[in-house]
Amino acid sequence: MPRNVKGQPRVGGRIKGTPNKRTQDVMDRLAELGCDPIEGMARIAMDEGAPIEVRSRMYSELAQYVAPKRKAIEHSGEIKGDGPQVRIILQQPA
């Protein structure tokens, strides 16, 4: 019998949105230990005594849960002229 015949109900398999067994086992174990990885990363990120490299890595990891990563885009056209000009002005605070 062919798979995915239009009009036929889907039979068997995991319900959509249900975590697989390994993921669920890890989630259950972390809950049993009272461990929340997101909270742990947030605590490290906010700890001013931690090295800045570690703190910045934690913020970077946490940012993925707040804002999606942007896709890289590729330009295949031609740039005419000298391209954009950028002017940087440095001023000392008064």
Protein backbone atom coordinates (compact mmCIF):
# COMPACT_ATOMS: atom_id res chain seq x y z
CA MET A 1 0.00 0.00 0.00
CA PRO A 2 1.46 3.41 -0.94
CA ARG A 3 2.42 5.82 1.85
CA ASN A 4 0.77 9.19 2.39
CA VAL A 5 -2.25 8.56 0.17
CA LYS A 6 -4.35 11.71 0.04
CA GLY A 7 -7.57 11.34 1.99
CA GLN A 8 -6.26 8.50 4.18
CA PRO A 9 -5.83 9.14 7.92
CA ARG A 10 -2.34 8.93 9.35
CA VAL A 11 -1.98 5.84 11.51
CA GLY A 12 0.64 5.19 14.20
CA GLY A 13 3.71 7.13 15.17
CA ARG A 14 4.35 9.77 17.77
CA ILE A 15 1.81 12.55 18.28
CA LYS A 16 3.02 15.84 16.82
CA GLY A 17 4.76 17.97 19.45
CA THR A 18 5.52 15.07 21.79
CA PRO A 19 9.24 14.94 22.67
CA ASN A 20 11.04 11.73 21.77
CA LYS A 21 11.93 9.28 24.55
CA ARG A 22 15.56 10.37 24.95
CA THR A 23 14.61 14.05 25.19
CA GLN A 24 11.87 13.26 27.68
CA ASP A 25 14.28 11.14 29.76
CA VAL A 26 16.75 14.04 29.95
CA MET A 27 13.99 16.50 30.86
CA ASP A 28 12.72 14.15 33.59
CA ARG A 29 16.22 13.65 35.02
CA LEU A 30 16.93 17.40 35.11
CA ALA A 31 13.59 17.99 36.87
CA GLU A 32 14.42 15.22 39.37
CA LEU A 33 17.75 16.95 40.15
CA GLY A 34 16.11 20.37 40.35
CA CYS A 35 18.37 21.59 37.55
CA ASP A 36 17.23 24.30 35.15
CA PRO A 37 19.92 24.86 32.48
CA ILE A 38 18.41 28.14 31.30
CA GLU A 39 18.39 29.53 34.83
CA GLY A 40 21.98 28.33 35.30
CA MET A 41 23.16 30.08 32.15
CA ALA A 42 21.35 33.26 33.20
CA ARG A 43 23.03 33.19 36.62
CA ILE A 44 26.48 32.76 35.03
CA ALA A 45 25.77 35.55 32.52
CA MET A 46 24.80 37.96 35.32
CA ASP A 47 27.70 37.00 37.63
CA GLU A 48 30.09 39.95 37.50
CA GLY A 49 32.81 37.76 39.03
CA ALA A 50 32.80 35.35 36.08
CA PRO A 51 35.25 35.94 33.20
CA ILE A 52 33.81 38.18 30.48
CA GLU A 53 34.38 35.46 27.85
CA VAL A 54 32.18 33.03 29.79
CA ARG A 55 29.53 35.67 30.47
CA SER A 56 29.37 36.72 26.81
CA ARG A 57 29.06 33.08 25.72
CA MET A 58 26.13 32.59 28.11
CA TYR A 59 24.39 35.71 26.82
CA SER A 60 24.95 34.49 23.27
CA GLU A 61 23.44 31.09 24.06
CA LEU A 62 20.47 32.64 25.88
CA ALA A 63 19.80 35.08 23.03
CA GLN A 64 18.87 32.15 20.79
CA TYR A 65 15.78 31.57 22.94
CA VAL A 66 14.70 35.21 22.69
CA ALA A 67 15.57 36.23 19.12
CA PRO A 68 15.98 33.85 16.18
CA LYS A 69 19.29 33.74 14.33
CA ARG A 70 19.28 35.54 11.02
CA LYS A 71 20.01 33.60 7.86
CA ALA A 72 23.08 34.52 5.87
CA ILE A 73 22.23 35.99 2.50
CA GLU A 74 24.28 35.91 -0.66
CA HIS A 75 24.45 38.73 -3.18
CA SER A 76 24.89 37.66 -6.79
CA GLY A 77 24.60 41.07 -8.45
CA GLU A 78 27.21 43.62 -9.34
CA ILE A 79 28.14 46.61 -7.21
CA LYS A 80 28.53 49.75 -9.28
CA GLY A 81 30.69 52.65 -8.23
CA ASP A 82 33.02 52.74 -5.25
CA GLY A 83 30.44 51.22 -2.94
CA PRO A 84 29.02 52.75 0.21
CA GLN A 85 31.08 55.25 2.13
CA VAL A 86 31.24 55.15 5.91
CA ARG A 87 32.36 58.14 7.93
CA ILE A 88 33.35 57.57 11.55
CA ILE A 89 33.64 60.55 13.87
CA LEU A 90 35.24 59.98 17.25
CA GLN A 91 34.57 62.51 19.98
CA GLN A 92 35.87 62.61 23.52
CA PRO A 93 33.15 62.91 26.15
CA ALA A 94 33.00 66.39 27.67
